[in-house]
Amino acid sequence: MGFLSLFFKSGRAPTHQSLPPALFPIREHSMSAGAWASSIRDLVESDECRLRRIVHCKANSRSRDEFLLIYIRHPSGKVATVLASRDTTFDPSSAHADEDISLPHPGMDIRALGVAPSRDRIWLSSDGTAASLERHILSSWGETHTVKFPKSKAPSVAHLAVLLTVVHRHVMSPGASAEMRSGWFAYCVAEVMREIFLGESKPNKKWVRVPYGGMKVEGRDTVDALIREFTPAWDKFSRGQVARRGGQRKPKHEEEKKAKKKAEMDSFVHMLRNMES
């Protein structure tokens, strides 16, 4: 998104040395959604980092682009702030391999799309607050909708990472404007998380949030379709986490914790499959 072109300045270093850089970088940091998901997969405490709320925001300027501010609570008690958006202004010819360019079909020539494919980006706050990200937004903006999660059912940052990789594979039609595509992204991420984890939805009476960014979407690009797609993606992601950590010798209490986590993952996958039936 043009108005989110960030010129990062040095931020304050976290006071707690053990805070993971995947959530608490030394300075404001941006990366592709795919690269961030990989860092979350390798994060030992990813299942203990829980989402508090997702705020759907819209720029109050000519661009009218939309994005998400996501607040994640670390086991230490500190809260990380993540800005997620669909960037539709980049030059695909200059993209690097780690950008994870979305294409509707593997091997498809990006020129056949007639428009630059979407690139989903993650911005990380240096001090855990939205303020360090807000000062880089080059226009005024407002909160259109908030989704809050109960502590007992709050999704983990791993769930968010998986959903972002699922959403990233969906490219809108060439006729969709940048505003519509950013709106589709923000709406779908917030709504899929709300539906699966029974989040509490709170609209802002002064703003209107338009479903799917105002686009007429096909069946595969709806919230229901994304929920179905999330199930196998989560199963694959969680197996990968267990496999990556399985080769390390751990104390007995860590093994018990690992077994408990696997049971929770299996239960979650079972719940998703029941939703599909």
C-alpha atoms as a PDB file:
ATOM      1  CA  MET A   1       0.000   0.000   0.000  1.00  0.00           C
ATOM      2  CA  GLY A   2       1.367   3.365  -1.011  1.00  0.00           C
ATOM      3  CA  PHE A   3       0.447   5.211   2.171  1.00  0.00           C
ATOM      4  CA  LEU A   4       2.179   2.506   4.201  1.00  0.00           C
ATOM      5  CA  SER A   5       5.577   3.066   2.592  1.00  0.00           C
ATOM      6  CA  LEU A   6       7.674   2.977   5.719  1.00  0.00           C
ATOM      7  CA  PHE A   7      10.968   4.704   6.313  1.00  0.00           C
ATOM      8  CA  PHE A   8      12.077   2.816   9.399  1.00  0.00           C
ATOM      9  CA  LYS A   9      13.891   4.623  12.149  1.00  0.00           C
ATOM     10  CA  SER A  10      15.754   3.111  15.036  1.00  0.00           C
ATOM     11  CA  GLY A  11      13.413   2.034  17.809  1.00  0.00           C
ATOM     12  CA  ARG A  12      13.917   1.263  21.444  1.00  0.00           C
ATOM     13  CA  ALA A  13      15.285  -2.164  22.287  1.00  0.00           C
ATOM     14  CA  PRO A  14      13.044  -4.408  24.421  1.00  0.00           C
ATOM     15  CA  THR A  15      13.884  -4.397  28.070  1.00  0.00           C
ATOM     16  CA  HIS A  16      13.561  -8.181  28.361  1.00  0.00           C
ATOM     17  CA  GLN A  17      16.416  -9.924  26.533  1.00  0.00           C
ATOM     18  CA  SER A  18      14.466 -13.168  26.014  1.00  0.00           C
ATOM     19  CA  LEU A  19      11.632 -11.565  24.058  1.00  0.00           C
ATOM     20  CA  PRO A  20      11.523 -13.156  20.582  1.00  0.00           C
ATOM     21  CA  PRO A  21      12.453 -10.870  17.661  1.00  0.00           C
ATOM     22  CA  ALA A  22       9.629 -12.449  15.643  1.00  0.00           C
ATOM     23  CA  LEU A  23       7.303 -10.362  17.821  1.00  0.00           C
ATOM     24  CA  PHE A  24       9.579  -7.783  19.462  1.00  0.00           C
ATOM     25  CA  PRO A  25      12.276  -6.596  17.015  1.00  0.00           C
ATOM     26  CA  ILE A  26      14.963  -4.104  18.008  1.00  0.00           C
ATOM     27  CA  ARG A  27      13.511  -1.586  15.548  1.00  0.00           C
ATOM     28  CA  GLU A  28      10.395  -1.382  13.414  1.00  0.00           C
ATOM     29  CA  HIS A  29      10.651  -4.190  10.918  1.00  0.00           C
ATOM     30  CA  SER A  30       8.785  -5.347   7.822  1.00  0.00           C
ATOM     31  CA  MET A  31       8.762  -8.749   6.129  1.00  0.00           C
ATOM     32  CA  SER A  32       6.621 -10.883   3.855  1.00  0.00           C
ATOM     33  CA  ALA A  33       3.778 -12.858   5.417  1.00  0.00           C
ATOM     34  CA  GLY A  34       5.493 -16.107   4.409  1.00  0.00           C
ATOM     35  CA  ALA A  35       8.797 -15.185   6.033  1.00  0.00           C
ATOM     36  CA  TRP A  36       7.025 -14.142   9.226  1.00  0.00           C
ATOM     37  CA  ALA A  37       5.038 -17.407   9.320  1.00  0.00           C
ATOM     38  CA  SER A  38       8.323 -19.337   9.110  1.00  0.00           C
ATOM     39  CA  SER A  39       9.728 -17.401  12.066  1.00  0.00           C
ATOM     40  CA  ILE A  40       6.576 -18.130  14.071  1.00  0.00           C
ATOM     41  CA  ARG A  41       6.806 -21.842  13.225  1.00  0.00           C
ATOM     42  CA  ASP A  42      10.261 -21.876  14.814  1.00  0.00           C
ATOM     43  CA  LEU A  43       9.128 -19.907  17.876  1.00  0.00           C
ATOM     44  CA  VAL A  44       9.088 -22.283  20.864  1.00  0.00           C
ATOM     45  CA  GLU A  45       6.437 -20.320  22.764  1.00  0.00           C
ATOM     46  CA  SER A  46       4.200 -19.687  19.725  1.00  0.00           C
ATOM     47  CA  ASP A  47       1.310 -21.661  21.207  1.00  0.00           C
ATOM     48  CA  GLU A  48       1.457 -19.525  24.372  1.00  0.00           C
ATOM     49  CA  CYS A  49       1.373 -16.180  22.530  1.00  0.00           C
ATOM     50  CA  ARG A  50      -2.332 -15.375  22.320  1.00  0.00           C
ATOM     51  CA  LEU A  51      -4.250 -12.801  20.313  1.00  0.00           C
ATOM     52  CA  ARG A  52      -6.071 -10.215  22.409  1.00  0.00           C
ATOM     53  CA  ARG A  53      -7.809  -8.375  19.602  1.00  0.00           C
ATOM     54  CA  ILE A  54      -7.766  -7.605  15.884  1.00  0.00           C
ATOM     55  CA  VAL A  55      -8.584  -4.054  14.800  1.00  0.00           C
ATOM     56  CA  HIS A  56      -9.717  -3.473  11.209  1.00  0.00           C
ATOM     57  CA  CYS A  57      -8.527  -0.019  10.090  1.00  0.00           C
ATOM     58  CA  LYS A  58      -9.089   2.172   7.041  1.00  0.00           C
ATOM     59  CA  ALA A  59      -7.067   5.095   5.743  1.00  0.00           C
ATOM     60  CA  ASN A  60      -8.956   8.369   5.705  1.00  0.00           C
ATOM     61  CA  SER A  61      -7.330   9.636   2.534  1.00  0.00           C
ATOM     62  CA  ARG A  62      -7.518   9.328  -1.231  1.00  0.00           C
ATOM     63  CA  SER A  63      -6.078   5.792  -1.110  1.00  0.00           C
ATOM     64  CA  ARG A  64      -8.723   4.471   1.335  1.00  0.00           C
ATOM     65  CA  ASP A  65      -6.599   1.353   1.832  1.00  0.00           C
ATOM     66  CA  GLU A  66      -7.381  -1.028   4.699  1.00  0.00           C
ATOM     67  CA  PHE A  67      -5.151  -2.902   7.131  1.00  0.00           C
ATOM     68  CA  LEU A  68      -5.150  -4.726  10.477  1.00  0.00           C
ATOM     69  CA  LEU A  69      -3.591  -3.914  13.832  1.00  0.00           C
ATOM     70  CA  ILE A  70      -3.202  -7.167  15.767  1.00  0.00           C
ATOM     71  CA  TYR A  71      -2.356  -7.279  19.479  1.00  0.00           C
ATOM     72  CA  ILE A  72      -0.615 -10.431  20.751  1.00  0.00           C
ATOM     73  CA  ARG A  73       0.119 -11.213  24.401  1.00  0.00           C
ATOM     74  CA  HIS A  74       3.463 -12.897  25.119  1.00  0.00           C
ATOM     75  CA  PRO A  75       3.772 -15.256  28.170  1.00  0.00           C
ATOM     76  CA  SER A  76       5.964 -12.579  29.796  1.00  0.00           C
ATOM     77  CA  GLY A  77       2.928 -10.309  29.923  1.00  0.00           C
ATOM     78  CA  LYS A  78       4.181  -7.924  27.242  1.00  0.00           C
ATOM     79  CA  VAL A  79       1.929  -7.228  24.280  1.00  0.00           C
ATOM     80  CA  ALA A  80       3.261  -7.218  20.721  1.00  0.00           C
ATOM     81  CA  THR A  81       1.628  -5.114  18.026  1.00  0.00           C
ATOM     82  CA  VAL A  82       1.582  -6.357  14.437  1.00  0.00           C
ATOM     83  CA  LEU A  83       0.348  -4.467  11.381  1.00  0.00           C
ATOM     84  CA  ALA A  84      -0.807  -6.749   8.553  1.00  0.00           C
ATOM     85  CA  SER A  85      -1.754  -5.503   5.110  1.00  0.00           C
ATOM     86  CA  ARG A  86      -2.008  -6.431   1.460  1.00  0.00           C
ATOM     87  CA  ASP A  87       0.506  -4.373  -0.501  1.00  0.00           C
ATOM     88  CA  THR A  88      -0.660  -3.980  -4.093  1.00  0.00           C
ATOM     89  CA  THR A  89       1.771  -1.331  -5.327  1.00  0.00           C
ATOM     90  CA  PHE A  90       5.081  -3.176  -5.595  1.00  0.00           C
ATOM     91  CA  ASP A  91       6.954  -3.854  -8.827  1.00  0.00           C
ATOM     92  CA  PRO A  92       6.901  -7.660  -9.405  1.00  0.00           C
ATOM     93  CA  SER A  93      10.012  -7.480 -11.597  1.00  0.00           C
ATOM     94  CA  SER A  94      12.044  -6.303  -8.602  1.00  0.00           C
ATOM     95  CA  ALA A  95      10.612  -8.757  -6.070  1.00  0.00           C
ATOM     96  CA  HIS A  96      13.003 -11.089  -4.290  1.00  0.00           C
ATOM     97  CA  ALA A  97      12.544 -14.799  -3.668  1.00  0.00           C
ATOM     98  CA  ASP A  98      11.485 -14.281  -0.054  1.00  0.00           C
ATOM     99  CA  GLU A  99       8.517 -12.140  -1.036  1.00  0.00           C
ATOM    100  CA  ASP A 100       6.288 -15.191  -1.577  1.00  0.00           C
ATOM    101  CA  ILE A 101       4.403 -13.690  -4.514  1.00  0.00           C
ATOM    102  CA  SER A 102       0.845 -15.045  -4.661  1.00  0.00           C
ATOM    103  CA  LEU A 103      -0.271 -16.664  -7.886  1.00  0.00           C
ATOM    104  CA  PRO A 104      -3.607 -18.385  -8.569  1.00  0.00           C
ATOM    105  CA  HIS A 105      -1.859 -21.337 -10.220  1.00  0.00           C
ATOM    106  CA  PRO A 106       1.718 -22.663  -9.745  1.00  0.00           C
ATOM    107  CA  GLY A 107       4.013 -21.638 -12.581  1.00  0.00           C
ATOM    108  CA  MET A 108       1.631 -19.013 -13.941  1.00  0.00           C
ATOM    109  CA  ASP A 109       3.299 -16.047 -15.656  1.00  0.00           C
ATOM    110  CA  ILE A 110       2.589 -12.959 -13.543  1.00  0.00           C
ATOM    111  CA  ARG A 111       2.148 -10.926 -16.741  1.00  0.00           C
ATOM    112  CA  ALA A 112      -0.932 -13.027 -17.530  1.00  0.00           C
ATOM    113  CA  LEU A 113      -2.685 -11.453 -14.552  1.00  0.00           C
ATOM    114  CA  GLY A 114      -2.735  -8.036 -16.158  1.00  0.00           C
ATOM    115  CA  VAL A 115      -1.936  -6.504 -12.764  1.00  0.00           C
ATOM    116  CA  ALA A 116       0.827  -6.867 -10.186  1.00  0.00           C
ATOM    117  CA  PRO A 117       0.047  -9.820  -7.884  1.00  0.00           C
ATOM    118  CA  SER A 118      -0.623  -9.064  -4.251  1.00  0.00           C
ATOM    119  CA  ARG A 119       2.071  -9.173  -1.628  1.00  0.00           C
ATOM    120  CA  ASP A 120       1.030  -9.506   1.997  1.00  0.00           C
ATOM    121  CA  ARG A 121       3.272  -7.763   4.492  1.00  0.00           C
ATOM    122  CA  ILE A 122       3.814  -7.784   8.233  1.00  0.00           C
ATOM    123  CA  TRP A 123       5.112  -4.773  10.152  1.00  0.00           C
ATOM    124  CA  LEU A 124       6.385  -5.317  13.698  1.00  0.00           C
ATOM    125  CA  SER A 125       6.437  -2.690  16.430  1.00  0.00           C
ATOM    126  CA  SER A 126       9.735  -2.119  18.228  1.00  0.00           C
ATOM    127  CA  ASP A 127       8.226  -1.277  21.600  1.00  0.00           C
ATOM    128  CA  GLY A 128       5.034  -3.346  21.546  1.00  0.00           C
ATOM    129  CA  THR A 129       2.778  -0.348  20.920  1.00  0.00           C
ATOM    130  CA  ALA A 130       0.896   0.789  17.858  1.00  0.00           C
ATOM    131  CA  ALA A 131       2.447   4.251  18.209  1.00  0.00           C
ATOM    132  CA  SER A 132       5.785   3.148  16.757  1.00  0.00           C
ATOM    133  CA  LEU A 133       3.926   1.956  13.652  1.00  0.00           C
ATOM    134  CA  GLU A 134       1.398   4.789  13.467  1.00  0.00           C
ATOM    135  CA  ARG A 135       4.048   7.432  12.995  1.00  0.00           C
ATOM    136  CA  HIS A 136       4.998   5.794   9.689  1.00  0.00           C
ATOM    137  CA  ILE A 137       1.455   5.857   8.266  1.00  0.00           C
ATOM    138  CA  LEU A 138       1.424   8.799   5.917  1.00  0.00           C
ATOM    139  CA  SER A 139      -2.276   9.635   6.281  1.00  0.00           C
ATOM    140  CA  SER A 140      -4.977   9.763   8.912  1.00  0.00           C
ATOM    141  CA  TRP A 141      -6.963   6.603   9.534  1.00  0.00           C
ATOM    142  CA  GLY A 142      -9.765   5.201  11.668  1.00  0.00           C
ATOM    143  CA  GLU A 143     -10.814   1.939  13.317  1.00  0.00           C
ATOM    144  CA  THR A 144     -13.821   0.429  11.564  1.00  0.00           C
ATOM    145  CA  HIS A 145     -14.216  -2.838  13.460  1.00  0.00           C
ATOM    146  CA  THR A 146     -12.688  -4.712  16.408  1.00  0.00           C
ATOM    147  CA  VAL A 147     -12.682  -8.438  17.156  1.00  0.00           C
ATOM    148  CA  LYS A 148     -11.872  -9.415  20.756  1.00  0.00           C
ATOM    149  CA  PHE A 149     -11.189 -12.957  21.941  1.00  0.00           C
ATOM    150  CA  PRO A 150     -12.003 -14.574  25.303  1.00  0.00           C
ATOM    151  CA  LYS A 151      -8.907 -15.779  27.151  1.00  0.00           C
ATOM    152  CA  SER A 152     -10.128 -19.371  27.204  1.00  0.00           C
ATOM    153  CA  LYS A 153     -10.522 -19.530  23.404  1.00  0.00           C
ATOM    154  CA  ALA A 154      -8.047 -16.945  22.143  1.00  0.00           C
ATOM    155  CA  PRO A 155      -6.145 -18.054  19.028  1.00  0.00           C
ATOM    156  CA  SER A 156      -2.379 -18.344  19.199  1.00  0.00           C
ATOM    157  CA  VAL A 157       0.053 -16.450  17.013  1.00  0.00           C
ATOM    158  CA  ALA A 158       0.640 -19.774  15.233  1.00  0.00           C
ATOM    159  CA  HIS A 159      -3.028 -19.839  14.169  1.00  0.00           C
ATOM    160  CA  LEU A 160      -2.643 -16.319  12.794  1.00  0.00           C
ATOM    161  CA  ALA A 161       0.530 -17.237  10.896  1.00  0.00           C
ATOM    162  CA  VAL A 162      -1.175 -20.212   9.255  1.00  0.00           C
ATOM    163  CA  LEU A 163      -4.192 -18.142   8.232  1.00  0.00           C
ATOM    164  CA  LEU A 164      -1.963 -15.501   6.650  1.00  0.00           C
ATOM    165  CA  THR A 165      -0.276 -18.156   4.503  1.00  0.00           C
ATOM    166  CA  VAL A 166      -3.709 -19.414   3.416  1.00  0.00           C
ATOM    167  CA  VAL A 167      -5.021 -15.948   2.560  1.00  0.00           C
ATOM    168  CA  HIS A 168      -1.778 -15.123   0.759  1.00  0.00           C
ATOM    169  CA  ARG A 169      -2.508 -17.749  -1.905  1.00  0.00           C
ATOM    170  CA  HIS A 170      -5.631 -15.896  -3.031  1.00  0.00           C
ATOM    171  CA  VAL A 171      -5.184 -13.309  -5.779  1.00  0.00           C
ATOM    172  CA  MET A 172      -8.087 -11.070  -6.717  1.00  0.00           C
ATOM    173  CA  SER A 173      -9.174 -10.431 -10.305  1.00  0.00           C
ATOM    174  CA  PRO A 174      -7.323  -7.758 -12.313  1.00  0.00           C
ATOM    175  CA  GLY A 175     -10.457  -5.600 -12.231  1.00  0.00           C
ATOM    176  CA  ALA A 176     -10.300  -5.199  -8.456  1.00  0.00           C
ATOM    177  CA  SER A 177      -8.822  -1.930  -7.236  1.00  0.00           C
ATOM    178  CA  ALA A 178      -5.993  -1.747  -4.704  1.00  0.00           C
ATOM    179  CA  GLU A 179      -8.503  -0.484  -2.140  1.00  0.00           C
ATOM    180  CA  MET A 180     -10.795  -3.461  -2.739  1.00  0.00           C
ATOM    181  CA  ARG A 181      -7.967  -5.977  -2.494  1.00  0.00           C
ATOM    182  CA  SER A 182      -6.676  -4.498   0.756  1.00  0.00           C
ATOM    183  CA  GLY A 183     -10.260  -4.485   2.082  1.00  0.00           C
ATOM    184  CA  TRP A 184     -10.770  -8.134   1.111  1.00  0.00           C
ATOM    185  CA  PHE A 185      -7.566  -9.108   2.920  1.00  0.00           C
ATOM    186  CA  ALA A 186      -8.382  -7.259   6.151  1.00  0.00           C
ATOM    187  CA  TYR A 187     -12.009  -8.415   6.215  1.00  0.00           C
ATOM    188  CA  CYS A 188     -11.208 -12.084   5.583  1.00  0.00           C
ATOM    189  CA  VAL A 189      -8.415 -12.374   8.159  1.00  0.00           C
ATOM    190  CA  ALA A 190     -10.542 -10.765  10.877  1.00  0.00           C
ATOM    191  CA  GLU A 191     -13.700 -12.722  10.047  1.00  0.00           C
ATOM    192  CA  VAL A 192     -12.065 -16.147   9.736  1.00  0.00           C
ATOM    193  CA  MET A 193     -10.436 -15.712  13.146  1.00  0.00           C
ATOM    194  CA  ARG A 194     -13.707 -14.488  14.635  1.00  0.00           C
ATOM    195  CA  GLU A 195     -15.702 -17.402  13.220  1.00  0.00           C
ATOM    196  CA  ILE A 196     -13.283 -20.124  14.305  1.00  0.00           C
ATOM    197  CA  PHE A 197     -12.416 -18.772  17.747  1.00  0.00           C
ATOM    198  CA  LEU A 198     -15.791 -17.242  18.650  1.00  0.00           C
ATOM    199  CA  GLY A 199     -14.481 -13.702  18.852  1.00  0.00           C
ATOM    200  CA  GLU A 200     -16.652 -10.809  19.970  1.00  0.00           C
ATOM    201  CA  SER A 201     -17.371  -8.386  17.132  1.00  0.00           C
ATOM    202  CA  LYS A 202     -17.590  -4.645  17.892  1.00  0.00           C
ATOM    203  CA  PRO A 203     -18.265  -2.280  14.973  1.00  0.00           C
ATOM    204  CA  ASN A 204     -17.379   1.395  15.135  1.00  0.00           C
ATOM    205  CA  LYS A 205     -20.589   3.400  14.751  1.00  0.00           C
ATOM    206  CA  LYS A 206     -18.734   6.236  13.014  1.00  0.00           C
ATOM    207  CA  TRP A 207     -17.270   4.004  10.294  1.00  0.00           C
ATOM    208  CA  VAL A 208     -18.753   1.454   7.912  1.00  0.00           C
ATOM    209  CA  ARG A 209     -16.907  -1.776   7.172  1.00  0.00           C
ATOM    210  CA  VAL A 210     -17.865  -3.228   3.784  1.00  0.00           C
ATOM    211  CA  PRO A 211     -17.633  -7.046   3.489  1.00  0.00           C
ATOM    212  CA  TYR A 212     -14.841  -8.239   1.185  1.00  0.00           C
ATOM    213  CA  GLY A 213     -13.801  -4.657   0.489  1.00  0.00           C
ATOM    214  CA  GLY A 214     -16.910  -4.173  -1.639  1.00  0.00           C
ATOM    215  CA  MET A 215     -15.945  -6.882  -4.134  1.00  0.00           C
ATOM    216  CA  LYS A 216     -18.210  -9.540  -5.571  1.00  0.00           C
ATOM    217  CA  VAL A 217     -16.163 -12.613  -4.702  1.00  0.00           C
ATOM    218  CA  GLU A 218     -16.239 -16.144  -6.044  1.00  0.00           C
ATOM    219  CA  GLY A 219     -16.924 -19.101  -3.752  1.00  0.00           C
ATOM    220  CA  ARG A 220     -13.253 -19.945  -3.230  1.00  0.00           C
ATOM    221  CA  ASP A 221     -12.533 -16.434  -1.928  1.00  0.00           C
ATOM    222  CA  THR A 222     -15.236 -16.328   0.753  1.00  0.00           C
ATOM    223  CA  VAL A 223     -14.778 -16.609   4.515  1.00  0.00           C
ATOM    224  CA  ASP A 224     -16.365 -20.080   4.554  1.00  0.00           C
ATOM    225  CA  ALA A 225     -13.953 -21.329   1.885  1.00  0.00           C
ATOM    226  CA  LEU A 226     -10.968 -19.924   3.769  1.00  0.00           C
ATOM    227  CA  ILE A 227     -12.092 -21.706   6.941  1.00  0.00           C
ATOM    228  CA  ARG A 228     -12.176 -25.009   5.048  1.00  0.00           C
ATOM    229  CA  GLU A 229      -8.754 -24.294   3.557  1.00  0.00           C
ATOM    230  CA  PHE A 230      -7.380 -23.468   6.990  1.00  0.00           C
ATOM    231  CA  THR A 231      -7.978 -26.990   8.335  1.00  0.00           C
ATOM    232  CA  PRO A 232      -5.338 -28.912   6.322  1.00  0.00           C
ATOM    233  CA  ALA A 233      -2.966 -25.937   6.468  1.00  0.00           C
ATOM    234  CA  TRP A 234      -3.070 -25.933  10.270  1.00  0.00           C
ATOM    235  CA  ASP A 235      -2.624 -29.701  10.392  1.00  0.00           C
ATOM    236  CA  LYS A 236       0.488 -29.467   8.193  1.00  0.00           C
ATOM    237  CA  PHE A 237       1.888 -26.509  10.143  1.00  0.00           C
ATOM    238  CA  SER A 238       1.445 -28.131  13.548  1.00  0.00           C
ATOM    239  CA  ARG A 239       3.052 -31.387  12.361  1.00  0.00           C
ATOM    240  CA  GLY A 240       5.983 -29.367  11.082  1.00  0.00           C
ATOM    241  CA  GLN A 241       6.371 -27.694  14.479  1.00  0.00           C
ATOM    242  CA  VAL A 242       6.439 -31.026  16.291  1.00  0.00           C
ATOM    243  CA  ALA A 243       8.907 -32.509  13.783  1.00  0.00           C
ATOM    244  CA  ARG A 244      11.288 -29.541  14.044  1.00  0.00           C
ATOM    245  CA  ARG A 245      11.372 -29.690  17.819  1.00  0.00           C
ATOM    246  CA  GLY A 246      11.247 -33.458  18.177  1.00  0.00           C
ATOM    247  CA  GLY A 247      14.985 -33.993  17.803  1.00  0.00           C
ATOM    248  CA  GLN A 248      15.851 -31.974  20.882  1.00  0.00           C
ATOM    249  CA  ARG A 249      16.153 -33.683  24.259  1.00  0.00           C
ATOM    250  CA  LYS A 250      13.938 -31.970  26.799  1.00  0.00           C
ATOM    251  CA  PRO A 251      13.212 -32.361  30.520  1.00  0.00           C
ATOM    252  CA  LYS A 252      10.219 -34.432  31.532  1.00  0.00           C
ATOM    253  CA  HIS A 253       8.000 -31.399  32.149  1.00  0.00           C
ATOM    254  CA  GLU A 254       8.811 -30.160  28.636  1.00  0.00           C
ATOM    255  CA  GLU A 255       7.833 -33.521  27.163  1.00  0.00           C
ATOM    256  CA  GLU A 256       4.548 -33.380  29.082  1.00  0.00           C
ATOM    257  CA  LYS A 257       3.972 -29.871  27.781  1.00  0.00           C
ATOM    258  CA  LYS A 258       4.688 -31.072  24.246  1.00  0.00           C
ATOM    259  CA  ALA A 259       2.208 -33.946  24.627  1.00  0.00           C
ATOM    260  CA  LYS A 260      -0.430 -31.529  25.931  1.00  0.00           C
ATOM    261  CA  LYS A 261       0.141 -29.229  22.976  1.00  0.00           C
ATOM    262  CA  LYS A 262      -0.217 -32.123  20.514  1.00  0.00           C
ATOM    263  CA  ALA A 263      -3.493 -33.107  22.174  1.00  0.00           C
ATOM    264  CA  GLU A 264      -4.740 -29.519  21.853  1.00  0.00           C
ATOM    265  CA  MET A 265      -3.746 -29.440  18.181  1.00  0.00           C
ATOM    266  CA  ASP A 266      -5.529 -32.726  17.493  1.00  0.00           C
ATOM    267  CA  SER A 267      -8.631 -31.447  19.285  1.00  0.00           C
ATOM    268  CA  PHE A 268      -8.550 -28.209  17.302  1.00  0.00           C
ATOM    269  CA  VAL A 269      -8.255 -30.025  13.968  1.00  0.00           C
ATOM    270  CA  HIS A 270     -11.161 -32.278  14.987  1.00  0.00           C
ATOM    271  CA  MET A 271     -13.276 -29.200  15.775  1.00  0.00           C
ATOM    272  CA  LEU A 272     -12.515 -27.653  12.380  1.00  0.00           C
ATOM    273  CA  ARG A 273     -13.459 -30.843  10.573  1.00  0.00           C
ATOM    274  CA  ASN A 274     -16.749 -30.924  12.456  1.00  0.00           C
ATOM    275  CA  MET A 275     -17.414 -27.352  11.275  1.00  0.00           C
ATOM    276  CA  GLU A 276     -17.008 -28.516   7.683  1.00  0.00           C
ATOM    277  CA  SER A 277     -19.420 -31.426   8.023  1.00  0.00           C
END
